[in-house]
Amino acid sequence: MFKKHSPYAEQFKQLSHFEGLSDAQVQKIVDNSTHVTLPADWALIGEQQPADKAYLILDGEVSVRRGGKEVARLGPGDTIGEVAIVRHSLRTATVISVTPLELLHFTAEAVEALTEEIPQFKAALQATSDERIAHDQEA
């Protein structure tokens, strides 16, 4: 089961992108993150910046912008910043909070370690990355 002081594990487990993970895997992912709350209008990630962190949205909404133009809105269950880490590239967009946010923050090192140790986590991030790349090519 989950540790007594890990309310975010239960929240994480409810997110559809991460179905099929065991309790132990969810706990390991949550243990390798930091819970963060941010206000609206906060820039989380800047376009063309190095990939040093990623986020998983637990609650709230963000605007994804390229060249100042909004290209997407993301919410609970979505990941932010994983594409550049998975692809070993610079950020492809700026991400700004539209509402107050509740997030799990991951360092690039934590993402890389978790993707090596938990294949389902890697598959979920890779699928998200592939979806976004495909969407970018259609646009």
Protein backbone atom coordinates (compact mmCIF):
# COMPACT_ATOMS: atom_id res chain seq x y z
CA MET A 1 0.00 0.00 0.00
CA PHE A 2 0.94 3.68 -0.04
CA LYS A 3 2.85 5.43 2.70
CA LYS A 4 0.64 7.31 5.13
CA HIS A 5 2.00 10.71 4.07
CA SER A 6 1.69 10.23 0.33
CA PRO A 7 -1.66 11.70 -0.74
CA TYR A 8 -0.28 12.39 -4.22
CA ALA A 9 0.16 8.68 -4.95
CA GLU A 10 -3.61 8.18 -4.84
CA GLN A 11 -4.13 11.26 -7.03
CA PHE A 12 -1.48 10.07 -9.51
CA LYS A 13 -3.03 6.61 -9.68
CA GLN A 14 -6.33 8.13 -10.88
CA LEU A 15 -4.70 9.62 -13.99
CA SER A 16 -5.58 7.65 -17.12
CA HIS A 17 -2.16 8.03 -18.78
CA PHE A 18 -0.63 5.92 -16.03
CA GLU A 19 -3.10 3.05 -15.78
CA GLY A 20 -1.55 -0.33 -15.20
CA LEU A 21 1.20 0.83 -12.88
CA SER A 22 1.51 -1.12 -9.65
CA ASP A 23 1.16 0.59 -6.27
CA ALA A 24 4.93 0.21 -5.79
CA GLN A 25 5.67 1.81 -9.18
CA VAL A 26 3.31 4.72 -8.49
CA GLN A 27 4.90 5.22 -5.09
CA LYS A 28 8.41 5.21 -6.62
CA ILE A 29 7.37 7.82 -9.21
CA VAL A 30 5.76 10.05 -6.59
CA ASP A 31 8.74 9.62 -4.24
CA ASN A 32 11.01 10.89 -7.03
CA SER A 33 8.99 14.05 -7.51
CA THR A 34 8.29 17.21 -5.57
CA HIS A 35 4.75 18.46 -5.03
CA VAL A 36 4.45 22.08 -6.22
CA THR A 37 1.64 24.63 -6.27
CA LEU A 38 1.86 27.64 -8.58
CA PRO A 39 -0.37 30.66 -9.16
CA ALA A 40 -2.08 31.57 -12.43
CA ASP A 41 0.04 33.41 -15.02
CA TRP A 42 3.25 31.64 -14.02
CA ALA A 43 5.74 30.62 -16.75
CA LEU A 44 6.76 27.03 -16.04
CA ILE A 45 8.85 26.39 -19.15
CA GLY A 46 10.36 28.67 -21.78
CA GLU A 47 10.59 27.93 -25.49
CA GLN A 48 14.12 27.07 -26.71
CA GLN A 49 15.39 26.54 -23.15
CA PRO A 50 17.33 23.44 -21.99
CA ALA A 51 15.33 20.44 -20.77
CA ASP A 52 16.00 20.41 -17.03
CA LYS A 53 12.58 19.53 -15.58
CA ALA A 54 9.17 18.08 -16.29
CA TYR A 55 5.79 18.33 -14.58
CA LEU A 56 2.69 16.22 -14.19
CA ILE A 57 -0.48 18.26 -13.76
CA LEU A 58 -2.62 17.07 -10.84
CA ASP A 59 -5.02 20.02 -10.92
CA GLY A 60 -5.37 23.19 -12.99
CA GLU A 61 -4.81 24.22 -16.59
CA VAL A 62 -1.88 25.52 -18.65
CA SER A 63 -1.51 27.25 -22.00
CA VAL A 64 1.12 25.89 -24.40
CA ARG A 65 2.48 28.61 -26.67
CA ARG A 66 4.83 28.71 -29.64
CA GLY A 67 6.09 32.05 -30.80
CA GLY A 68 3.59 33.67 -28.42
CA LYS A 69 0.59 31.91 -30.02
CA GLU A 70 -1.44 29.38 -28.01
CA VAL A 71 -1.31 25.94 -29.60
CA ALA A 72 -2.84 23.82 -26.82
CA ARG A 73 -4.37 23.72 -23.35
CA LEU A 74 -3.41 20.94 -20.95
CA GLY A 75 -4.92 19.82 -17.66
CA PRO A 76 -4.98 17.07 -15.03
CA GLY A 77 -3.09 13.95 -16.11
CA ASP A 78 -1.05 15.74 -18.75
CA THR A 79 2.71 15.96 -18.60
CA ILE A 80 4.71 19.08 -19.41
CA GLY A 81 8.35 19.21 -20.43
CA GLU A 82 8.84 15.51 -21.02
CA VAL A 83 9.17 15.85 -24.81
CA ALA A 84 12.46 17.73 -24.63
CA ILE A 85 13.83 15.31 -22.01
CA VAL A 86 12.78 12.20 -23.97
CA ARG A 87 14.03 13.70 -27.26
CA HIS A 88 17.20 15.28 -25.74
CA SER A 89 16.35 18.63 -27.30
CA LEU A 90 15.55 22.22 -26.40
CA ARG A 91 12.02 23.12 -25.29
CA THR A 92 9.56 23.34 -28.16
CA ALA A 93 7.11 25.68 -26.40
CA THR A 94 6.48 28.05 -23.53
CA VAL A 95 4.03 26.81 -20.90
CA ILE A 96 2.11 29.29 -18.73
CA SER A 97 -0.42 28.53 -16.01
CA VAL A 98 -3.96 29.67 -16.81
CA THR A 99 -5.29 28.74 -13.37
CA PRO A 100 -3.59 27.96 -10.07
CA LEU A 101 -1.78 24.62 -10.46
CA GLU A 102 -1.04 21.57 -8.39
CA LEU A 103 1.82 19.61 -9.95
CA LEU A 104 4.43 16.95 -9.45
CA HIS A 105 7.85 18.33 -10.44
CA PHE A 106 10.54 16.00 -11.78
CA THR A 107 14.17 16.80 -12.50
CA ALA A 108 15.51 15.60 -15.85
CA GLU A 109 17.65 13.09 -13.94
CA ALA A 110 14.60 11.72 -12.12
CA VAL A 111 12.70 11.33 -15.42
CA GLU A 112 15.63 9.50 -17.01
CA ALA A 113 16.09 7.20 -13.98
CA LEU A 114 12.37 6.43 -13.74
CA THR A 115 12.05 5.69 -17.46
CA GLU A 116 14.91 3.20 -17.18
CA GLU A 117 13.49 1.51 -14.09
CA ILE A 118 9.75 1.55 -14.94
CA PRO A 119 9.05 0.61 -18.57
CA GLN A 120 5.35 1.58 -18.31
CA PHE A 121 6.33 5.10 -17.20
CA LYS A 122 8.69 5.37 -20.18
CA ALA A 123 5.96 4.09 -22.51
CA ALA A 124 3.45 6.66 -21.18
CA LEU A 125 5.91 9.54 -21.65
CA GLN A 126 6.98 8.27 -25.07
CA ALA A 127 3.35 7.99 -26.19
CA THR A 128 2.69 11.56 -25.06
CA SER A 129 5.84 12.74 -26.81
CA ASP A 130 4.90 10.90 -30.04
CA GLU A 131 1.36 12.38 -29.94
CA ARG A 132 2.71 15.90 -29.58
CA ILE A 133 5.30 15.45 -32.33
CA ALA A 134 2.59 14.10 -34.67
CA HIS A 135 0.32 17.03 -33.77
CA ASP A 136 3.15 19.47 -34.50
CA GLN A 137 3.74 17.92 -37.93
CA GLU A 138 0.02 18.23 -38.78
CA ALA A 139 -0.11 21.90 -37.76
